[in-house]
Amino acid sequence: MEILFEDKNLIICVKPVGLDSEKEMVDAIKEKYSGEIYTVHRLDKNVGGVMVYARNKHTAALLSKHIQDGNMIKEYVAMVHGTPDLKGDWEDLLWKDSTKNKVFVVKRERKGVKKARLEYTCLLQDNPSIVKIRLHTGRSHQIRVQFASRGFPLIGDHKYGSRDSSSNPMLFSCCITFPYQKELIKFEYYPDWAKAFI
């Protein structure tokens, strides 16, 4: 686990693939830092990347409000099968089957259905392609489902249609931007497979 920034209120770190963001990551941070650690957002266990943790209740509440108000910008890189258009702005309706922990694109609104939106740009337009994504909504498995539903499943994402030999989805939380102490702060970190295309 790499620490990108820390002060009395925040810890910004890079979550490794394979650690649960709500318990195992908190335990790992507590091995290095004293006091309470508050989770304000999450990443799937099999996805790595930049995460923000609060060190007190006041900061946790502020960060949670930034997320609710759309003031925390989250960007990802992904490697996908196929060749998407150079840019895209996708909106879908998503429904989660909690019994299977799987999300589906559906046609109409009903109970449990949530709107999902993302924008992306191709960094490498090939097959596979590498895309940089900005999330406008934070739905469960959102990036994985929206790309797979259009025929571009993530490399390694066997739950959503990939048939390759990679063990985990090629998805990484690469950039988080949010207001902090009257400034807009930004933290970036890229996996080795994406660095050459940034």
Protein backbone atom coordinates (compact mmCIF):
# COMPACT_ATOMS: atom_id res chain seq x y z
CA MET A 1 0.00 0.00 0.00
CA GLU A 2 1.46 3.33 -1.08
CA ILE A 3 0.61 6.55 0.79
CA LEU A 4 0.25 9.56 -1.56
CA PHE A 5 -0.65 12.15 1.09
CA GLU A 6 -1.46 12.37 4.78
CA ASP A 7 -2.24 15.07 7.32
CA LYS A 8 -4.31 15.27 10.50
CA ASN A 9 -7.57 14.92 8.54
CA LEU A 10 -6.88 12.73 5.50
CA ILE A 11 -4.96 9.76 4.20
CA ILE A 12 -4.77 9.31 0.43
CA CYS A 13 -3.42 5.90 -0.53
CA VAL A 14 -3.28 3.34 -3.33
CA LYS A 15 -5.39 0.28 -2.56
CA PRO A 16 -3.82 -2.96 -3.81
CA VAL A 17 -5.95 -5.47 -5.71
CA GLY A 18 -7.24 -8.14 -3.32
CA LEU A 19 -7.85 -6.01 -0.21
CA ASP A 20 -11.36 -5.15 0.93
CA SER A 21 -11.67 -1.35 0.96
CA GLU A 22 -13.86 -1.16 4.07
CA LYS A 23 -12.13 -3.51 6.51
CA GLU A 24 -8.77 -4.86 5.31
CA MET A 25 -7.62 -1.46 4.05
CA VAL A 26 -8.67 0.23 7.28
CA ASP A 27 -6.73 -2.41 9.25
CA ALA A 28 -3.66 -1.89 7.04
CA ILE A 29 -3.80 1.90 7.54
CA LYS A 30 -4.21 1.49 11.30
CA GLU A 31 -0.95 -0.49 11.39
CA LYS A 32 0.82 2.72 10.27
CA TYR A 33 -1.31 5.45 11.84
CA SER A 34 -2.99 5.83 15.21
CA GLY A 35 -6.58 6.89 15.77
CA GLU A 36 -9.79 6.19 13.93
CA ILE A 37 -10.03 5.70 10.16
CA TYR A 38 -13.30 6.39 8.35
CA THR A 39 -14.23 4.95 4.95
CA VAL A 40 -16.04 7.46 2.74
CA HIS A 41 -16.12 5.57 -0.58
CA ARG A 42 -15.28 2.07 -1.74
CA LEU A 43 -13.63 0.03 -4.47
CA ASP A 44 -14.38 -3.58 -5.35
CA LYS A 45 -11.95 -6.03 -3.74
CA ASN A 46 -10.56 -7.08 -7.13
CA VAL A 47 -9.94 -3.45 -8.23
CA GLY A 48 -7.00 -1.28 -7.11
CA GLY A 49 -6.36 2.42 -7.09
CA VAL A 50 -6.44 5.78 -5.34
CA MET A 51 -8.65 6.02 -2.25
CA VAL A 52 -9.39 8.71 0.34
CA TYR A 53 -9.83 7.92 4.03
CA ALA A 54 -10.82 10.37 6.76
CA ARG A 55 -9.11 10.52 10.15
CA ASN A 56 -12.00 12.11 12.04
CA LYS A 57 -15.81 12.30 11.90
CA HIS A 58 -15.87 15.94 10.79
CA THR A 59 -13.71 15.24 7.71
CA ALA A 60 -15.67 12.07 6.94
CA ALA A 61 -18.90 14.09 6.93
CA LEU A 62 -17.36 16.77 4.68
CA LEU A 63 -16.08 14.19 2.20
CA SER A 64 -19.41 12.35 2.19
CA LYS A 65 -21.16 15.63 1.36
CA HIS A 66 -18.71 16.30 -1.48
CA ILE A 67 -19.56 12.87 -2.90
CA GLN A 68 -23.32 13.46 -2.56
CA ASP A 69 -23.05 16.90 -4.17
CA GLY A 70 -20.92 15.63 -7.06
CA ASN A 71 -17.85 17.59 -5.94
CA MET A 72 -15.56 14.57 -5.73
CA ILE A 73 -14.42 13.68 -9.25
CA LYS A 74 -13.40 10.04 -9.68
CA GLU A 75 -11.52 8.87 -12.77
CA TYR A 76 -10.48 5.38 -13.77
CA VAL A 77 -8.45 3.61 -16.42
CA ALA A 78 -9.59 0.31 -17.89
CA MET A 79 -8.42 -2.14 -20.52
CA VAL A 80 -11.34 -3.44 -22.57
CA HIS A 81 -11.93 -5.99 -25.30
CA GLY A 82 -12.75 -4.48 -28.68
CA THR A 83 -12.44 -0.93 -30.02
CA PRO A 84 -14.88 1.63 -28.60
CA ASP A 85 -15.41 5.03 -30.24
CA LEU A 86 -12.74 7.60 -29.39
CA LYS A 87 -15.05 9.34 -26.89
CA GLY A 88 -18.35 8.52 -25.27
CA ASP A 89 -20.95 9.81 -22.81
CA TRP A 90 -23.16 6.93 -21.72
CA GLU A 91 -26.32 6.92 -19.63
CA ASP A 92 -28.05 3.72 -18.60
CA LEU A 93 -30.52 2.35 -16.10
CA LEU A 94 -28.90 -0.27 -13.86
CA TRP A 95 -30.50 -2.88 -11.62
CA LYS A 96 -28.56 -4.98 -9.12
CA ASP A 97 -29.45 -8.59 -8.37
CA SER A 98 -28.12 -8.76 -4.82
CA THR A 99 -28.53 -12.54 -4.62
CA LYS A 100 -25.99 -12.96 -7.45
CA ASN A 101 -24.02 -9.73 -6.79
CA LYS A 102 -24.46 -8.89 -10.44
CA VAL A 103 -25.71 -5.73 -12.17
CA PHE A 104 -27.78 -5.50 -15.35
CA VAL A 105 -28.69 -2.74 -17.80
CA VAL A 106 -32.51 -2.51 -17.95
CA LYS A 107 -34.91 -0.64 -20.25
CA ARG A 108 -37.25 1.11 -17.83
CA GLU A 109 -37.32 2.60 -14.36
CA ARG A 110 -38.76 0.55 -11.53
CA LYS A 111 -38.03 -0.12 -7.88
CA GLY A 112 -34.30 -0.62 -7.30
CA VAL A 113 -33.29 0.74 -10.73
CA LYS A 114 -30.73 3.57 -10.69
CA LYS A 115 -29.51 5.97 -13.35
CA ALA A 116 -25.84 5.65 -14.25
CA ARG A 117 -23.66 7.98 -16.30
CA LEU A 118 -20.01 7.99 -17.31
CA GLU A 119 -17.81 9.70 -19.87
CA TYR A 120 -14.73 8.14 -21.41
CA THR A 121 -11.86 8.85 -23.79
CA CYS A 122 -9.76 6.19 -25.54
CA LEU A 123 -6.07 6.45 -24.65
CA LEU A 124 -5.32 3.47 -26.91
CA GLN A 125 -7.86 2.68 -29.62
CA ASP A 126 -6.96 -0.87 -30.59
CA ASN A 127 -8.03 -4.36 -29.49
CA PRO A 128 -7.72 -4.44 -26.56
CA SER A 129 -8.22 -0.72 -25.96
CA ILE A 130 -7.34 1.43 -22.96
CA VAL A 131 -9.91 3.99 -21.82
CA LYS A 132 -9.92 6.75 -19.22
CA ILE A 133 -13.29 7.14 -17.55
CA ARG A 134 -14.95 9.83 -15.49
CA LEU A 135 -17.79 8.61 -13.32
CA HIS A 136 -20.76 10.93 -12.84
CA THR A 137 -22.60 8.38 -10.68
CA GLY A 138 -21.14 5.77 -8.37
CA ARG A 139 -23.19 2.65 -9.01
CA SER A 140 -22.12 -0.87 -8.12
CA HIS A 141 -20.01 -2.43 -10.92
CA GLN A 142 -21.01 0.55 -13.08
CA ILE A 143 -17.99 0.76 -15.40
CA ARG A 144 -17.84 -3.00 -15.82
CA VAL A 145 -21.53 -3.28 -16.74
CA GLN A 146 -21.76 -0.24 -19.00
CA PHE A 147 -18.80 -1.34 -21.12
CA ALA A 148 -19.80 -5.02 -21.19
CA SER A 149 -23.38 -4.16 -22.24
CA ARG A 150 -21.97 -2.51 -25.39
CA GLY A 151 -19.71 -5.43 -26.29
CA PHE A 152 -16.53 -4.13 -24.61
CA PRO A 153 -16.09 -6.22 -21.43
CA LEU A 154 -13.07 -5.40 -19.32
CA ILE A 155 -10.06 -7.67 -19.73
CA GLY A 156 -10.17 -10.14 -16.83
CA ASP A 157 -13.81 -9.44 -15.95
CA HIS A 158 -15.20 -12.96 -16.15
CA LYS A 159 -18.42 -11.97 -14.34
CA TYR A 160 -19.35 -9.68 -17.23
CA GLY A 161 -18.34 -11.63 -20.29
CA SER A 162 -14.54 -11.65 -20.59
CA ARG A 163 -13.09 -15.03 -21.60
CA ASP A 164 -9.37 -14.23 -21.30
CA SER A 165 -6.93 -15.65 -18.75
CA SER A 166 -6.41 -12.50 -16.63
CA SER A 167 -7.35 -13.11 -13.01
CA ASN A 168 -8.87 -9.69 -12.17
CA PRO A 169 -10.67 -6.94 -14.11
CA MET A 170 -8.23 -4.48 -15.68
CA LEU A 171 -9.74 -1.49 -13.91
CA PHE A 172 -7.93 1.05 -11.73
CA SER A 173 -9.01 4.16 -9.81
CA CYS A 174 -6.36 6.53 -11.17
CA CYS A 175 -7.43 10.03 -10.11
CA ILE A 176 -9.50 11.69 -7.39
CA THR A 177 -10.13 15.45 -7.27
CA PHE A 178 -12.05 17.27 -4.51
CA PRO A 179 -12.22 20.57 -2.57
CA TYR A 180 -10.09 20.68 0.56
CA GLN A 181 -9.19 23.66 2.74
CA LYS A 182 -10.40 26.17 0.11
CA GLU A 183 -8.42 24.53 -2.70
CA LEU A 184 -9.15 21.91 -5.32
CA ILE A 185 -6.71 19.04 -4.74
CA LYS A 186 -5.98 16.18 -7.11
CA PHE A 187 -4.21 12.87 -6.60
CA GLU A 188 -3.14 10.63 -9.51
CA TYR A 189 -1.53 7.21 -9.74
CA TYR A 190 -1.48 4.89 -12.74
CA PRO A 191 -0.89 1.14 -13.07
CA ASP A 192 2.08 0.01 -15.17
CA TRP A 193 -0.15 -1.15 -18.04
CA ALA A 194 -1.57 2.38 -18.51
CA LYS A 195 1.46 4.61 -17.86
CA ALA A 196 2.72 4.66 -21.43
CA PHE A 197 -0.59 6.09 -22.70
CA ILE A 198 -1.10 8.96 -20.24
